[in-house]
Amino acid sequence: MDALAGLLEGPRARGAFMIRACFEPPWAVRIEDRAPLTVMLMVRGEAWIMPDAGERVRLNAGDLAIARGPDPYTCADDPGTAPQALILPGAE
């Protein structure tokens, strides 16, 4: 099984949910929900995805990002903004 097939086969979208979030800077959200897969679409503005290990990624309007879990990460308007919210397992 190749990496993409494994990524799509594993989660099977059981228990999936969708969140629409609209923020005004400064904002940052710490994600520790251990989700196997997260899809993020930047509709307008810009944001940063900052994993604990690895390089941070800048998202611009129209960008799509896929985070393969379960490792935690932070999403923010700016890399220097401290998290104001924490998303844990089971939080909906």
PDB file of N, CA and C in Angstrom:
ATOM      1  N   MET A   1       0.860  -1.177   0.000  1.00  0.00           N
ATOM      2  CA  MET A   1       0.000   0.000   0.000  1.00  0.00           C
ATOM      3  C   MET A   1       0.900   1.231   0.000  1.00  0.00           C
ATOM      4  N   ASP A   2       0.635   2.169  -0.911  1.00  0.00           N
ATOM      5  CA  ASP A   2       1.436   3.392  -0.948  1.00  0.00           C
ATOM      6  C   ASP A   2       0.994   4.355   0.150  1.00  0.00           C
ATOM      7  N   ALA A   3       1.760   5.414   0.353  1.00  0.00           N
ATOM      8  CA  ALA A   3       1.499   6.363   1.458  1.00  0.00           C
ATOM      9  C   ALA A   3       0.130   7.019   1.344  1.00  0.00           C
ATOM     10  N   LEU A   4      -0.279   7.439   0.143  1.00  0.00           N
ATOM     11  CA  LEU A   4      -1.580   8.092  -0.021  1.00  0.00           C
ATOM     12  C   LEU A   4      -2.720   7.122   0.260  1.00  0.00           C
ATOM     13  N   ALA A   5      -2.621   5.906  -0.239  1.00  0.00           N
ATOM     14  CA  ALA A   5      -3.669   4.907   0.018  1.00  0.00           C
ATOM     15  C   ALA A   5      -3.791   4.639   1.516  1.00  0.00           C
ATOM     16  N   GLY A   6      -2.644   4.530   2.200  1.00  0.00           N
ATOM     17  CA  GLY A   6      -2.668   4.315   3.643  1.00  0.00           C
ATOM     18  C   GLY A   6      -3.286   5.475   4.394  1.00  0.00           C
ATOM     19  N   LEU A   7      -2.995   6.693   3.952  1.00  0.00           N
ATOM     20  CA  LEU A   7      -3.540   7.880   4.590  1.00  0.00           C
ATOM     21  C   LEU A   7      -5.063   7.921   4.463  1.00  0.00           C
ATOM     22  N   LEU A   8      -5.567   7.607   3.285  1.00  0.00           N
ATOM     23  CA  LEU A   8      -7.012   7.657   3.052  1.00  0.00           C
ATOM     24  C   LEU A   8      -7.733   6.449   3.636  1.00  0.00           C
ATOM     25  N   GLU A   9      -7.094   5.304   3.650  1.00  0.00           N
ATOM     26  CA  GLU A   9      -7.717   4.087   4.157  1.00  0.00           C
ATOM     27  C   GLU A   9      -7.809   4.078   5.678  1.00  0.00           C
ATOM     28  N   GLY A  10      -6.781   4.578   6.352  1.00  0.00           N
ATOM     29  CA  GLY A  10      -6.714   4.508   7.813  1.00  0.00           C
ATOM     30  C   GLY A  10      -7.865   5.180   8.539  1.00  0.00           C
ATOM     31  N   PRO A  11      -8.088   6.481   8.367  1.00  0.00           N
ATOM     32  CA  PRO A  11      -9.127   7.163   9.145  1.00  0.00           C
ATOM     33  C   PRO A  11     -10.550   6.770   8.777  1.00  0.00           C
ATOM     34  N   ARG A  12     -10.830   6.490   7.506  1.00  0.00           N
ATOM     35  CA  ARG A  12     -12.159   6.119   7.020  1.00  0.00           C
ATOM     36  C   ARG A  12     -13.241   7.127   7.385  1.00  0.00           C
ATOM     37  N   ALA A  13     -12.883   8.283   7.845  1.00  0.00           N
ATOM     38  CA  ALA A  13     -13.802   9.379   8.147  1.00  0.00           C
ATOM     39  C   ALA A  13     -14.868   9.020   9.172  1.00  0.00           C
ATOM     40  N   ARG A  14     -14.639   8.008   9.981  1.00  0.00           N
ATOM     41  CA  ARG A  14     -15.587   7.692  11.066  1.00  0.00           C
ATOM     42  C   ARG A  14     -15.464   8.748  12.144  1.00  0.00           C
ATOM     43  N   GLY A  15     -16.592   9.262  12.588  1.00  0.00           N
ATOM     44  CA  GLY A  15     -16.580  10.275  13.633  1.00  0.00           C
ATOM     45  C   GLY A  15     -16.068  11.623  13.156  1.00  0.00           C
ATOM     46  N   ALA A  16     -16.042  11.817  11.847  1.00  0.00           N
ATOM     47  CA  ALA A  16     -15.539  13.078  11.301  1.00  0.00           C
ATOM     48  C   ALA A  16     -16.487  14.229  11.623  1.00  0.00           C
ATOM     49  N   PHE A  17     -15.935  15.401  11.749  1.00  0.00           N
ATOM     50  CA  PHE A  17     -16.740  16.600  11.938  1.00  0.00           C
ATOM     51  C   PHE A  17     -16.049  17.765  11.267  1.00  0.00           C
ATOM     52  N   MET A  18     -16.787  18.842  11.097  1.00  0.00           N
ATOM     53  CA  MET A  18     -16.249  20.018  10.423  1.00  0.00           C
ATOM     54  C   MET A  18     -16.384  21.230  11.333  1.00  0.00           C
ATOM     55  N   ILE A  19     -15.370  22.050  11.320  1.00  0.00           N
ATOM     56  CA  ILE A  19     -15.398  23.297  12.084  1.00  0.00           C
ATOM     57  C   ILE A  19     -15.103  24.443  11.120  1.00  0.00           C
ATOM     58  N   ARG A  20     -15.914  25.468  11.191  1.00  0.00           N
ATOM     59  CA  ARG A  20     -15.622  26.698  10.460  1.00  0.00           C
ATOM     60  C   ARG A  20     -15.179  27.709  11.510  1.00  0.00           C
ATOM     61  N   ALA A  21     -13.987  28.234  11.331  1.00  0.00           N
ATOM     62  CA  ALA A  21     -13.441  29.164  12.312  1.00  0.00           C
ATOM     63  C   ALA A  21     -13.081  30.482  11.635  1.00  0.00           C
ATOM     64  N   CYS A  22     -13.520  31.562  12.234  1.00  0.00           N
ATOM     65  CA  CYS A  22     -13.209  32.907  11.738  1.00  0.00           C
ATOM     66  C   CYS A  22     -12.561  33.670  12.880  1.00  0.00           C
ATOM     67  N   PHE A  23     -11.345  34.139  12.668  1.00  0.00           N
ATOM     68  CA  PHE A  23     -10.600  34.822  13.715  1.00  0.00           C
ATOM     69  C   PHE A  23     -10.135  36.191  13.243  1.00  0.00           C
ATOM     70  N   GLU A  24      -9.972  37.079  14.200  1.00  0.00           N
ATOM     71  CA  GLU A  24      -9.353  38.387  13.965  1.00  0.00           C
ATOM     72  C   GLU A  24      -8.017  38.383  14.705  1.00  0.00           C
ATOM     73  N   PRO A  25      -6.933  38.814  14.066  1.00  0.00           N
ATOM     74  CA  PRO A  25      -5.624  38.832  14.724  1.00  0.00           C
ATOM     75  C   PRO A  25      -5.634  39.711  15.975  1.00  0.00           C
ATOM     76  N   PRO A  26      -4.875  39.348  16.957  1.00  0.00           N
ATOM     77  CA  PRO A  26      -4.005  38.186  17.051  1.00  0.00           C
ATOM     78  C   PRO A  26      -4.795  36.947  17.494  1.00  0.00           C
ATOM     79  N   TRP A  27      -4.463  35.795  16.930  1.00  0.00           N
ATOM     80  CA  TRP A  27      -5.112  34.544  17.311  1.00  0.00           C
ATOM     81  C   TRP A  27      -4.131  33.385  17.162  1.00  0.00           C
ATOM     82  N   ALA A  28      -4.325  32.375  17.977  1.00  0.00           N
ATOM     83  CA  ALA A  28      -3.552  31.136  17.876  1.00  0.00           C
ATOM     84  C   ALA A  28      -4.319  30.036  18.594  1.00  0.00           C
ATOM     85  N   VAL A  29      -4.328  28.854  17.996  1.00  0.00           N
ATOM     86  CA  VAL A  29      -5.015  27.696  18.554  1.00  0.00           C
ATOM     87  C   VAL A  29      -4.031  26.535  18.614  1.00  0.00           C
ATOM     88  N   ARG A  30      -3.911  25.927  19.768  1.00  0.00           N
ATOM     89  CA  ARG A  30      -3.044  24.760  19.971  1.00  0.00           C
ATOM     90  C   ARG A  30      -3.899  23.511  19.751  1.00  0.00           C
ATOM     91  N   ILE A  31      -3.471  22.621  18.850  1.00  0.00           N
ATOM     92  CA  ILE A  31      -4.219  21.417  18.520  1.00  0.00           C
ATOM     93  C   ILE A  31      -3.496  20.207  19.099  1.00  0.00           C
ATOM     94  N   GLU A  32      -4.140  19.533  20.056  1.00  0.00           N
ATOM     95  CA  GLU A  32      -3.596  18.322  20.686  1.00  0.00           C
ATOM     96  C   GLU A  32      -4.659  17.233  20.695  1.00  0.00           C
ATOM     97  N   ASP A  33      -5.507  17.191  19.671  1.00  0.00           N
ATOM     98  CA  ASP A  33      -6.635  16.259  19.665  1.00  0.00           C
ATOM     99  C   ASP A  33      -6.295  14.849  19.205  1.00  0.00           C
ATOM    100  N   ARG A  34      -5.077  14.631  18.711  1.00  0.00           N
ATOM    101  CA  ARG A  34      -4.593  13.327  18.271  1.00  0.00           C
ATOM    102  C   ARG A  34      -5.386  12.775  17.088  1.00  0.00           C
ATOM    103  N   ALA A  35      -6.028  13.662  16.321  1.00  0.00           N
ATOM    104  CA  ALA A  35      -6.774  13.238  15.137  1.00  0.00           C
ATOM    105  C   ALA A  35      -5.826  12.613  14.124  1.00  0.00           C
ATOM    106  N   PRO A  36      -6.249  11.543  13.457  1.00  0.00           N
ATOM    107  CA  PRO A  36      -5.369  10.915  12.476  1.00  0.00           C
ATOM    108  C   PRO A  36      -5.179  11.758  11.224  1.00  0.00           C
ATOM    109  N   LEU A  37      -6.132  12.647  10.940  1.00  0.00           N
ATOM    110  CA  LEU A  37      -6.064  13.448   9.724  1.00  0.00           C
ATOM    111  C   LEU A  37      -6.857  14.735   9.922  1.00  0.00           C
ATOM    112  N   THR A  38      -6.269  15.856   9.523  1.00  0.00           N
ATOM    113  CA  THR A  38      -6.961  17.141   9.568  1.00  0.00           C
ATOM    114  C   THR A  38      -6.760  17.838   8.232  1.00  0.00           C
ATOM    115  N   VAL A  39      -7.850  18.363   7.679  1.00  0.00           N
ATOM    116  CA  VAL A  39      -7.791  19.110   6.427  1.00  0.00           C
ATOM    117  C   VAL A  39      -8.132  20.556   6.742  1.00  0.00           C
ATOM    118  N   MET A  40      -7.272  21.473   6.321  1.00  0.00           N
ATOM    119  CA  MET A  40      -7.481  22.899   6.580  1.00  0.00           C
ATOM    120  C   MET A  40      -7.488  23.647   5.253  1.00  0.00           C
ATOM    121  N   LEU A  41      -8.470  24.506   5.078  1.00  0.00           N
ATOM    122  CA  LEU A  41      -8.562  25.332   3.879  1.00  0.00           C
ATOM    123  C   LEU A  41      -8.583  26.785   4.309  1.00  0.00           C
ATOM    124  N   MET A  42      -7.649  27.557   3.789  1.00  0.00           N
ATOM    125  CA  MET A  42      -7.561  28.984   4.111  1.00  0.00           C
ATOM    126  C   MET A  42      -8.386  29.740   3.075  1.00  0.00           C
ATOM    127  N   VAL A  43      -9.512  30.273   3.487  1.00  0.00           N
ATOM    128  CA  VAL A  43     -10.405  30.963   2.563  1.00  0.00           C
ATOM    129  C   VAL A  43      -9.930  32.384   2.297  1.00  0.00           C
ATOM    130  N   ARG A  44      -9.532  33.081   3.351  1.00  0.00           N
ATOM    131  CA  ARG A  44      -8.987  34.438   3.176  1.00  0.00           C
ATOM    132  C   ARG A  44      -7.964  34.703   4.274  1.00  0.00           C
ATOM    133  N   GLY A  45      -7.152  35.687   4.040  1.00  0.00           N
ATOM    134  CA  GLY A  45      -6.110  36.022   5.009  1.00  0.00           C
ATOM    135  C   GLY A  45      -4.938  35.063   4.902  1.00  0.00           C
ATOM    136  N   GLU A  46      -4.237  34.910   6.018  1.00  0.00           N
ATOM    137  CA  GLU A  46      -3.097  34.001   6.065  1.00  0.00           C
ATOM    138  C   GLU A  46      -2.974  33.424   7.462  1.00  0.00           C
ATOM    139  N   ALA A  47      -2.261  32.329   7.567  1.00  0.00           N
ATOM    140  CA  ALA A  47      -2.053  31.665   8.850  1.00  0.00           C
ATOM    141  C   ALA A  47      -0.756  30.870   8.779  1.00  0.00           C
ATOM    142  N   TRP A  48      -0.313  30.429   9.935  1.00  0.00           N
ATOM    143  CA  TRP A  48       0.870  29.588  10.042  1.00  0.00           C
ATOM    144  C   TRP A  48       0.473  28.290  10.733  1.00  0.00           C
ATOM    145  N   ILE A  49       0.989  27.178  10.230  1.00  0.00           N
ATOM    146  CA  ILE A  49       0.868  25.893  10.907  1.00  0.00           C
ATOM    147  C   ILE A  49       2.259  25.574  11.427  1.00  0.00           C
ATOM    148  N   MET A  50       2.343  25.328  12.732  1.00  0.00           N
ATOM    149  CA  MET A  50       3.639  25.129  13.370  1.00  0.00           C
ATOM    150  C   MET A  50       3.654  23.825  14.159  1.00  0.00           C
ATOM    151  N   PRO A  51       4.197  22.765  13.554  1.00  0.00           N
ATOM    152  CA  PRO A  51       4.314  21.501  14.291  1.00  0.00           C
ATOM    153  C   PRO A  51       5.409  21.613  15.353  1.00  0.00           C
ATOM    154  N   ASP A  52       5.315  20.769  16.374  1.00  0.00           N
ATOM    155  CA  ASP A  52       6.357  20.765  17.406  1.00  0.00           C
ATOM    156  C   ASP A  52       7.695  20.336  16.817  1.00  0.00           C
ATOM    157  N   ALA A  53       7.636  19.406  15.870  1.00  0.00           N
ATOM    158  CA  ALA A  53       8.854  18.938  15.192  1.00  0.00           C
ATOM    159  C   ALA A  53       8.657  19.172  13.697  1.00  0.00           C
ATOM    160  N   GLY A  54       9.596  19.816  13.082  1.00  0.00           N
ATOM    161  CA  GLY A  54       9.484  20.083  11.658  1.00  0.00           C
ATOM    162  C   GLY A  54       9.352  21.568  11.378  1.00  0.00           C
ATOM    163  N   GLU A  55       9.242  21.870  10.106  1.00  0.00           N
ATOM    164  CA  GLU A  55       9.199  23.269   9.693  1.00  0.00           C
ATOM    165  C   GLU A  55       7.778  23.825   9.722  1.00  0.00           C
ATOM    166  N   ARG A  56       7.665  25.082  10.073  1.00  0.00           N
ATOM    167  CA  ARG A  56       6.370  25.745  10.019  1.00  0.00           C
ATOM    168  C   ARG A  56       6.016  26.043   8.567  1.00  0.00           C
ATOM    169  N   VAL A  57       4.704  26.128   8.315  1.00  0.00           N
ATOM    170  CA  VAL A  57       4.202  26.329   6.959  1.00  0.00           C
ATOM    171  C   VAL A  57       3.249  27.514   6.954  1.00  0.00           C
ATOM    172  N   ARG A  58       3.439  28.399   5.994  1.00  0.00           N
ATOM    173  CA  ARG A  58       2.553  29.556   5.856  1.00  0.00           C
ATOM    174  C   ARG A  58       1.435  29.211   4.878  1.00  0.00           C
ATOM    175  N   LEU A  59       0.200  29.513   5.261  1.00  0.00           N
ATOM    176  CA  LEU A  59      -0.959  29.329   4.396  1.00  0.00           C
ATOM    177  C   LEU A  59      -1.466  30.687   3.953  1.00  0.00           C
ATOM    178  N   ASN A  60      -1.764  30.809   2.682  1.00  0.00           N
ATOM    179  CA  ASN A  60      -2.377  32.013   2.127  1.00  0.00           C
ATOM    180  C   ASN A  60      -3.775  31.666   1.635  1.00  0.00           C
ATOM    181  N   ALA A  61      -4.570  32.674   1.328  1.00  0.00           N
ATOM    182  CA  ALA A  61      -5.919  32.449   0.823  1.00  0.00           C
ATOM    183  C   ALA A  61      -5.880  31.479  -0.353  1.00  0.00           C
ATOM    184  N   GLY A  62      -6.737  30.470  -0.291  1.00  0.00           N
ATOM    185  CA  GLY A  62      -6.805  29.463  -1.342  1.00  0.00           C
ATOM    186  C   GLY A  62      -5.936  28.246  -1.099  1.00  0.00           C
ATOM    187  N   ASP A  63      -5.069  28.276  -0.079  1.00  0.00           N
ATOM    188  CA  ASP A  63      -4.198  27.135   0.213  1.00  0.00           C
ATOM    189  C   ASP A  63      -4.955  26.063   0.992  1.00  0.00           C
ATOM    190  N   LEU A  64      -4.565  24.829   0.743  1.00  0.00           N
ATOM    191  CA  LEU A  64      -5.114  23.677   1.437  1.00  0.00           C
ATOM    192  C   LEU A  64      -3.967  22.972   2.142  1.00  0.00           C
ATOM    193  N   ALA A  65      -4.173  22.603   3.400  1.00  0.00           N
ATOM    194  CA  ALA A  65      -3.143  21.883   4.151  1.00  0.00           C
ATOM    195  C   ALA A  65      -3.752  20.615   4.730  1.00  0.00           C
ATOM    196  N   ILE A  66      -2.969  19.556   4.746  1.00  0.00           N
ATOM    197  CA  ILE A  66      -3.383  18.293   5.356  1.00  0.00           C
ATOM    198  C   ILE A  66      -2.370  17.967   6.439  1.00  0.00           C
ATOM    199  N   ALA A  67      -2.868  17.784   7.659  1.00  0.00           N
ATOM    200  CA  ALA A  67      -2.015  17.406   8.783  1.00  0.00           C
ATOM    201  C   ALA A  67      -2.305  15.949   9.114  1.00  0.00           C
ATOM    202  N   ARG A  68      -1.266  15.128   9.059  1.00  0.00           N
ATOM    203  CA  ARG A  68      -1.406  13.716   9.402  1.00  0.00           C
ATOM    204  C   ARG A  68      -0.984  13.554  10.849  1.00  0.00           C
ATOM    205  N   GLY A  69      -1.918  13.126  11.686  1.00  0.00           N
ATOM    206  CA  GLY A  69      -1.693  13.040  13.116  1.00  0.00           C
ATOM    207  C   GLY A  69      -0.895  11.817  13.504  1.00  0.00           C
ATOM    208  N   PRO A  70      -0.749  11.647  14.774  1.00  0.00           N
ATOM    209  CA  PRO A  70      -1.451  12.321  15.862  1.00  0.00           C
ATOM    210  C   PRO A  70      -0.655  13.438  16.540  1.00  0.00           C
ATOM    211  N   ASP A  71       0.468  13.848  15.960  1.00  0.00           N
ATOM    212  CA  ASP A  71       1.324  14.831  16.630  1.00  0.00           C
ATOM    213  C   ASP A  71       0.656  16.200  16.757  1.00  0.00           C
ATOM    214  N   PRO A  72       0.896  16.903  17.874  1.00  0.00           N
ATOM    215  CA  PRO A  72       0.297  18.222  18.090  1.00  0.00           C
ATOM    216  C   PRO A  72       0.947  19.313  17.240  1.00  0.00           C
ATOM    217  N   TYR A  73       0.215  20.399  17.067  1.00  0.00           N
ATOM    218  CA  TYR A  73       0.699  21.551  16.310  1.00  0.00           C
ATOM    219  C   TYR A  73      -0.088  22.785  16.740  1.00  0.00           C
ATOM    220  N   THR A  74       0.365  23.940  16.302  1.00  0.00           N
ATOM    221  CA  THR A  74      -0.306  25.208  16.584  1.00  0.00           C
ATOM    222  C   THR A  74      -0.624  25.886  15.268  1.00  0.00           C
ATOM    223  N   CYS A  75      -1.818  26.468  15.171  1.00  0.00           N
ATOM    224  CA  CYS A  75      -2.210  27.309  14.040  1.00  0.00           C
ATOM    225  C   CYS A  75      -2.343  28.725  14.574  1.00  0.00           C
ATOM    226  N   ALA A  76      -1.782  29.692  13.836  1.00  0.00           N
ATOM    227  CA  ALA A  76      -1.789  31.068  14.334  1.00  0.00           C
ATOM    228  C   ALA A  76      -1.719  32.072  13.195  1.00  0.00           C
ATOM    229  N   ASP A  77      -2.063  33.316  13.528  1.00  0.00           N
ATOM    230  CA  ASP A  77      -1.941  34.402  12.550  1.00  0.00           C
ATOM    231  C   ASP A  77      -0.484  34.773  12.329  1.00  0.00           C
ATOM    232  N   ASP A  78       0.349  34.522  13.349  1.00  0.00           N
ATOM    233  CA  ASP A  78       1.761  34.882  13.303  1.00  0.00           C
ATOM    234  C   ASP A  78       2.521  33.880  14.176  1.00  0.00           C
ATOM    235  N   PRO A  79       3.706  33.461  13.779  1.00  0.00           N
ATOM    236  CA  PRO A  79       4.456  32.507  14.595  1.00  0.00           C
ATOM    237  C   PRO A  79       4.710  32.969  16.034  1.00  0.00           C
ATOM    238  N   GLY A  80       4.694  34.266  16.290  1.00  0.00           N
ATOM    239  CA  GLY A  80       4.949  34.778  17.629  1.00  0.00           C
ATOM    240  C   GLY A  80       3.728  34.886  18.525  1.00  0.00           C
ATOM    241  N   THR A  81       2.540  34.606  18.001  1.00  0.00           N
ATOM    242  CA  THR A  81       1.314  34.723  18.806  1.00  0.00           C
ATOM    243  C   THR A  81       1.153  33.498  19.697  1.00  0.00           C
ATOM    244  N   ALA A  82       0.938  33.726  20.989  1.00  0.00           N
ATOM    245  CA  ALA A  82       0.742  32.634  21.943  1.00  0.00           C
ATOM    246  C   ALA A  82      -0.668  32.061  21.812  1.00  0.00           C
ATOM    247  N   PRO A  83      -0.827  30.738  21.982  1.00  0.00           N
ATOM    248  CA  PRO A  83      -2.159  30.131  21.871  1.00  0.00           C
ATOM    249  C   PRO A  83      -3.138  30.679  22.905  1.00  0.00           C
ATOM    250  N   GLN A  84      -4.356  30.949  22.440  1.00  0.00           N
ATOM    251  CA  GLN A  84      -5.439  31.384  23.327  1.00  0.00           C
ATOM    252  C   GLN A  84      -6.465  30.283  23.546  1.00  0.00           C
ATOM    253  N   ALA A  85      -6.363  29.187  22.776  1.00  0.00           N
ATOM    254  CA  ALA A  85      -7.297  28.066  22.917  1.00  0.00           C
ATOM    255  C   ALA A  85      -6.522  26.771  22.739  1.00  0.00           C
ATOM    256  N   LEU A  86      -7.026  25.723  23.377  1.00  0.00           N
ATOM    257  CA  LEU A  86      -6.406  24.396  23.327  1.00  0.00           C
ATOM    258  C   LEU A  86      -7.480  23.393  22.924  1.00  0.00           C
ATOM    259  N   ILE A  87      -7.237  22.635  21.853  1.00  0.00           N
ATOM    260  CA  ILE A  87      -8.164  21.610  21.401  1.00  0.00           C
ATOM    261  C   ILE A  87      -7.591  20.256  21.806  1.00  0.00           C
ATOM    262  N   LEU A  88      -8.323  19.534  22.663  1.00  0.00           N
ATOM    263  CA  LEU A  88      -7.895  18.238  23.190  1.00  0.00           C
ATOM    264  C   LEU A  88      -8.739  17.115  22.593  1.00  0.00           C
ATOM    265  N   PRO A  89      -8.345  15.854  22.787  1.00  0.00           N
ATOM    266  CA  PRO A  89      -9.159  14.752  22.286  1.00  0.00           C
ATOM    267  C   PRO A  89     -10.592  14.819  22.809  1.00  0.00           C
ATOM    268  N   GLY A  90     -11.546  14.551  21.931  1.00  0.00           N
ATOM    269  CA  GLY A  90     -12.943  14.568  22.320  1.00  0.00           C
ATOM    270  C   GLY A  90     -13.589  15.924  22.311  1.00  0.00           C
ATOM    271  N   ALA A  91     -12.834  16.990  22.119  1.00  0.00           N
ATOM    272  CA  ALA A  91     -13.402  18.341  22.084  1.00  0.00           C
ATOM    273  C   ALA A  91     -14.039  18.572  20.736  1.00  0.00           C
ATOM    274  N   GLU A  92     -15.302  18.968  20.736  1.00  0.00           N
ATOM    275  CA  GLU A  92     -16.005  19.237  19.486  1.00  0.00           C
ATOM    276  C   GLU A  92     -16.611  20.615  19.518  1.00  0.00           C
TER     277      GLU A  92
END
